[in-house]
Amino acid sequence: MISIQTFVFNPFQENTFVVSDSSGACVIIDPGCYSQSEQKMLFSYIDNHKLSVKLLLNTHGHIDHMLGNYFVKETWKPDFVTHRLVVPELESTQAYGATMGLYAHPSPAPDRFVEEGDIITFGNTELEVLFTPGHSAGHISFLHRPSANIFSGDVLFQGSIGRTDLPGGSFPQLMKTIYDKFLTLDDAVTVHCGHGPATTIGAERKTNMFILNYPPA
């Protein structure tokens, strides 16, 4: 089975995940570490648990989810994996960050791209790639079926959904993603969100007002 460690990083309070298994292999999903203290926190966890970082995964390329891409790549040299439509987002982060007084170190280029249905492997673990656009054009999520966990980026939150007013966002597309990709999962699946606490598919199916009030056309 997998172990999941969550860090809350940067001014956007973004969730960074380290997912590991009994082999000692791990992946880092959406590294948002911005300050040196945040980088040290991530490094110390990896080092203290004697983990081997195999992959850097981005659900999407918005600045809050990639501020630590350069640090992770330079420190552990993992392959960087994301969707090809994320690249324009990564390339615009420096200019976007400057408008908010944030310095975003240029992200390394992805080593390979994945699509819907691809399987990402590390150690004894397989993560299934879901193409989940709507918050951004190239957004992907990572599903671990054996443990019923999904790493959803900024698609679905506890009681809310991802914003759709940024370039590449689409409210109708996001709602279609949620209905077609998330609500087809079992109620027991835990959703590890890009911001805020984790939730479950069942809880959101019953209480999320966006799901209850805005079915896709």
Protein backbone atom coordinates (compact mmCIF):
# COMPACT_ATOMS: atom_id res chain seq x y z
CA MET A 1 0.00 0.00 0.00
CA ILE A 2 1.00 3.63 -0.14
CA SER A 3 1.89 6.27 2.44
CA ILE A 4 0.80 9.87 1.85
CA GLN A 5 2.47 12.89 3.40
CA THR A 6 0.89 16.30 2.86
CA PHE A 7 2.71 19.63 3.10
CA VAL A 8 0.98 23.03 2.93
CA PHE A 9 3.29 25.42 1.11
CA ASN A 10 3.61 28.98 -0.22
CA PRO A 11 1.29 32.00 0.15
CA PHE A 12 -1.47 30.15 -1.70
CA GLN A 13 -1.60 27.40 0.96
CA GLU A 14 -1.10 24.74 -1.69
CA ASN A 15 -0.98 21.04 -0.86
CA THR A 16 2.17 19.19 -1.90
CA PHE A 17 2.07 15.40 -1.66
CA VAL A 18 4.83 12.84 -1.18
CA VAL A 19 3.48 9.39 -2.04
CA SER A 20 5.67 6.42 -1.14
CA ASP A 21 5.43 2.65 -0.78
CA SER A 22 7.22 -0.14 1.09
CA SER A 23 10.04 -0.21 -1.47
CA GLY A 24 11.16 3.25 -0.37
CA ALA A 25 10.36 4.73 -3.77
CA CYS A 26 8.25 7.89 -3.89
CA VAL A 27 6.81 10.56 -6.14
CA ILE A 28 6.33 14.25 -5.35
CA ILE A 29 3.05 15.68 -6.63
CA ASP A 30 2.78 19.44 -7.23
CA PRO A 31 5.79 20.70 -5.25
CA GLY A 32 4.80 24.16 -4.07
CA CYS A 33 7.75 24.76 -1.74
CA TYR A 34 8.71 28.41 -2.15
CA SER A 35 10.87 29.50 0.77
CA GLN A 36 14.10 27.91 1.94
CA SER A 37 12.35 26.73 5.09
CA GLU A 38 9.72 24.97 2.98
CA GLN A 39 12.40 23.38 0.82
CA LYS A 40 14.19 22.19 3.97
CA MET A 41 10.96 20.73 5.32
CA LEU A 42 10.46 18.67 2.16
CA PHE A 43 14.11 17.62 2.03
CA SER A 44 14.12 16.57 5.69
CA TYR A 45 11.06 14.37 5.24
CA ILE A 46 12.58 12.61 2.22
CA ASP A 47 15.94 12.23 3.94
CA ASN A 48 14.61 11.11 7.33
CA HIS A 49 12.42 8.44 5.75
CA LYS A 50 15.23 7.33 3.41
CA LEU A 51 13.02 7.70 0.37
CA SER A 52 14.15 7.59 -3.24
CA VAL A 53 12.41 10.23 -5.36
CA LYS A 54 11.56 8.61 -8.68
CA LEU A 55 9.18 11.10 -10.27
CA LEU A 56 8.05 14.72 -10.13
CA LEU A 57 4.38 14.97 -11.12
CA ASN A 58 2.39 18.12 -11.91
CA THR A 59 -1.40 18.01 -12.09
CA HIS A 60 -1.20 21.38 -13.85
CA GLY A 61 1.17 24.30 -14.24
CA HIS A 62 -0.30 27.14 -12.20
CA ILE A 63 2.33 28.95 -10.17
CA ASP A 64 1.25 27.68 -6.75
CA HIS A 65 1.68 24.06 -7.84
CA MET A 66 5.11 24.35 -9.47
CA LEU A 67 7.15 26.77 -7.34
CA GLY A 68 9.25 23.83 -6.17
CA ASN A 69 9.73 22.14 -9.54
CA TYR A 70 13.26 23.48 -9.97
CA PHE A 71 14.26 22.56 -6.41
CA VAL A 72 12.94 19.01 -6.70
CA LYS A 73 14.54 18.43 -10.10
CA GLU A 74 17.92 19.81 -9.05
CA THR A 75 17.96 18.03 -5.69
CA TRP A 76 16.87 14.50 -6.62
CA LYS A 77 17.00 14.44 -10.45
CA PRO A 78 13.67 12.62 -10.94
CA ASP A 79 11.89 12.41 -14.27
CA PHE A 80 9.34 15.22 -14.58
CA VAL A 81 5.98 13.97 -15.86
CA THR A 82 2.87 15.95 -16.77
CA HIS A 83 0.45 16.59 -19.66
CA ARG A 84 1.73 18.35 -22.76
CA LEU A 85 -0.87 21.14 -22.43
CA VAL A 86 0.69 22.09 -19.08
CA VAL A 87 3.84 23.38 -20.80
CA PRO A 88 2.42 26.83 -21.74
CA GLU A 89 1.38 27.31 -18.12
CA LEU A 90 4.86 26.47 -16.89
CA GLU A 91 6.40 28.87 -19.37
CA SER A 92 4.21 31.77 -18.19
CA THR A 93 4.76 31.41 -14.46
CA GLN A 94 7.63 33.89 -14.17
CA ALA A 95 5.58 36.68 -15.72
CA TYR A 96 2.51 35.69 -13.71
CA GLY A 97 4.50 35.57 -10.47
CA ALA A 98 5.98 39.01 -11.09
CA THR A 99 2.49 40.54 -11.04
CA MET A 100 2.10 39.28 -7.46
CA GLY A 101 5.60 39.99 -6.23
CA LEU A 102 6.62 36.35 -6.36
CA TYR A 103 9.77 35.06 -7.99
CA ALA A 104 9.15 31.77 -9.73
CA HIS A 105 12.33 30.00 -10.75
CA PRO A 106 11.88 28.73 -14.31
CA SER A 107 10.51 25.21 -14.27
CA PRO A 108 12.54 22.46 -15.90
CA ALA A 109 11.00 21.05 -19.06
CA PRO A 110 9.03 17.83 -18.64
CA ASP A 111 10.91 14.63 -19.44
CA ARG A 112 7.79 12.91 -20.72
CA PHE A 113 4.09 13.45 -21.18
CA VAL A 114 1.12 11.32 -20.16
CA GLU A 115 -2.46 11.05 -21.36
CA GLU A 116 -5.76 9.67 -20.12
CA GLY A 117 -5.42 6.02 -19.11
CA ASP A 118 -1.64 5.96 -18.91
CA ILE A 119 -0.12 4.18 -15.93
CA ILE A 120 2.67 5.81 -13.92
CA THR A 121 4.82 3.30 -12.04
CA PHE A 122 7.28 3.69 -9.17
CA GLY A 123 8.44 1.07 -6.71
CA ASN A 124 5.54 -1.35 -6.23
CA THR A 125 2.93 1.26 -7.10
CA GLU A 126 0.85 2.18 -10.12
CA LEU A 127 -1.02 5.46 -10.51
CA GLU A 128 -3.64 5.81 -13.22
CA VAL A 129 -3.73 9.09 -15.14
CA LEU A 130 -7.10 10.79 -15.59
CA PHE A 131 -7.41 13.73 -17.98
CA THR A 132 -9.41 16.24 -15.93
CA PRO A 133 -9.59 19.65 -17.68
CA GLY A 134 -11.75 22.59 -16.68
CA HIS A 135 -9.61 24.37 -14.10
CA SER A 136 -6.87 24.40 -16.72
CA ALA A 137 -6.62 23.02 -20.23
CA GLY A 138 -4.11 20.26 -19.50
CA HIS A 139 -5.10 19.31 -15.96
CA ILE A 140 -4.58 15.68 -14.96
CA SER A 141 -5.30 13.73 -11.78
CA PHE A 142 -3.64 10.62 -10.37
CA LEU A 143 -5.73 7.69 -9.13
CA HIS A 144 -4.45 4.86 -6.93
CA ARG A 145 -7.24 2.34 -7.20
CA PRO A 146 -5.98 -0.27 -4.68
CA SER A 147 -6.09 2.21 -1.79
CA ALA A 148 -8.99 4.31 -3.18
CA ASN A 149 -7.07 7.61 -3.27
CA ILE A 150 -7.11 10.28 -5.97
CA PHE A 151 -4.82 13.30 -6.18
CA SER A 152 -7.10 15.81 -7.80
CA GLY A 153 -5.15 19.06 -8.05
CA ASP A 154 -7.64 21.92 -8.37
CA VAL A 155 -10.64 20.02 -9.74
CA LEU A 156 -12.68 19.21 -6.66
CA PHE A 157 -12.44 20.62 -3.14
CA GLN A 158 -14.29 19.99 0.09
CA GLY A 159 -17.56 21.79 -0.58
CA SER A 160 -16.28 23.55 -3.69
CA ILE A 161 -14.61 23.21 -7.09
CA GLY A 162 -11.62 24.71 -8.87
CA ARG A 163 -11.84 28.24 -10.23
CA THR A 164 -12.46 28.56 -13.96
CA ASP A 165 -11.64 32.23 -14.60
CA LEU A 166 -7.97 31.69 -15.48
CA PRO A 167 -6.69 31.05 -19.03
CA GLY A 168 -7.73 27.59 -20.15
CA GLY A 169 -10.52 27.37 -17.59
CA SER A 170 -14.08 26.38 -18.45
CA PHE A 171 -16.93 25.93 -15.98
CA PRO A 172 -18.97 23.59 -18.24
CA GLN A 173 -15.87 21.51 -18.92
CA LEU A 174 -14.97 21.34 -15.23
CA MET A 175 -18.45 20.15 -14.29
CA LYS A 176 -18.31 17.52 -17.04
CA THR A 177 -14.95 16.37 -15.68
CA ILE A 178 -16.35 16.08 -12.17
CA TYR A 179 -19.39 14.11 -13.31
CA ASP A 180 -17.57 11.88 -15.81
CA LYS A 181 -14.31 11.23 -13.98
CA PHE A 182 -14.96 11.77 -10.26
CA LEU A 183 -18.58 10.87 -9.61
CA THR A 184 -18.10 7.56 -11.43
CA LEU A 185 -15.70 6.55 -8.62
CA ASP A 186 -16.84 4.80 -5.44
CA ASP A 187 -18.08 6.93 -2.56
CA ALA A 188 -15.20 5.69 -0.39
CA VAL A 189 -12.50 7.18 -2.62
CA THR A 190 -10.51 9.85 -0.77
CA VAL A 191 -9.90 13.04 -2.71
CA HIS A 192 -6.58 14.72 -1.92
CA CYS A 193 -7.23 18.29 -3.03
CA GLY A 194 -4.78 20.92 -4.22
CA HIS A 195 -5.89 23.20 -1.38
CA GLY A 196 -7.66 22.57 1.89
CA PRO A 197 -8.58 19.30 3.60
CA ALA A 198 -9.12 15.96 1.93
CA THR A 199 -12.66 14.80 1.30
CA THR A 200 -14.43 11.79 -0.19
CA ILE A 201 -16.43 11.25 -3.34
CA GLY A 202 -19.41 10.24 -1.24
CA ALA A 203 -19.33 13.38 0.89
CA GLU A 204 -19.13 15.65 -2.15
CA ARG A 205 -21.84 13.73 -3.98
CA LYS A 206 -24.19 14.41 -1.07
CA THR A 207 -23.26 17.94 0.02
CA ASN A 208 -21.30 19.84 -2.63
CA MET A 209 -23.63 22.57 -3.87
CA PHE A 210 -21.91 22.80 -7.25
CA ILE A 211 -22.56 19.11 -7.85
CA LEU A 212 -26.12 19.36 -6.59
CA ASN A 213 -27.01 22.52 -8.51
CA TYR A 214 -24.96 22.51 -11.70
CA PRO A 215 -25.12 19.23 -13.59
CA PRO A 216 -23.33 19.37 -16.95
CA ALA A 217 -25.43 20.38 -19.94
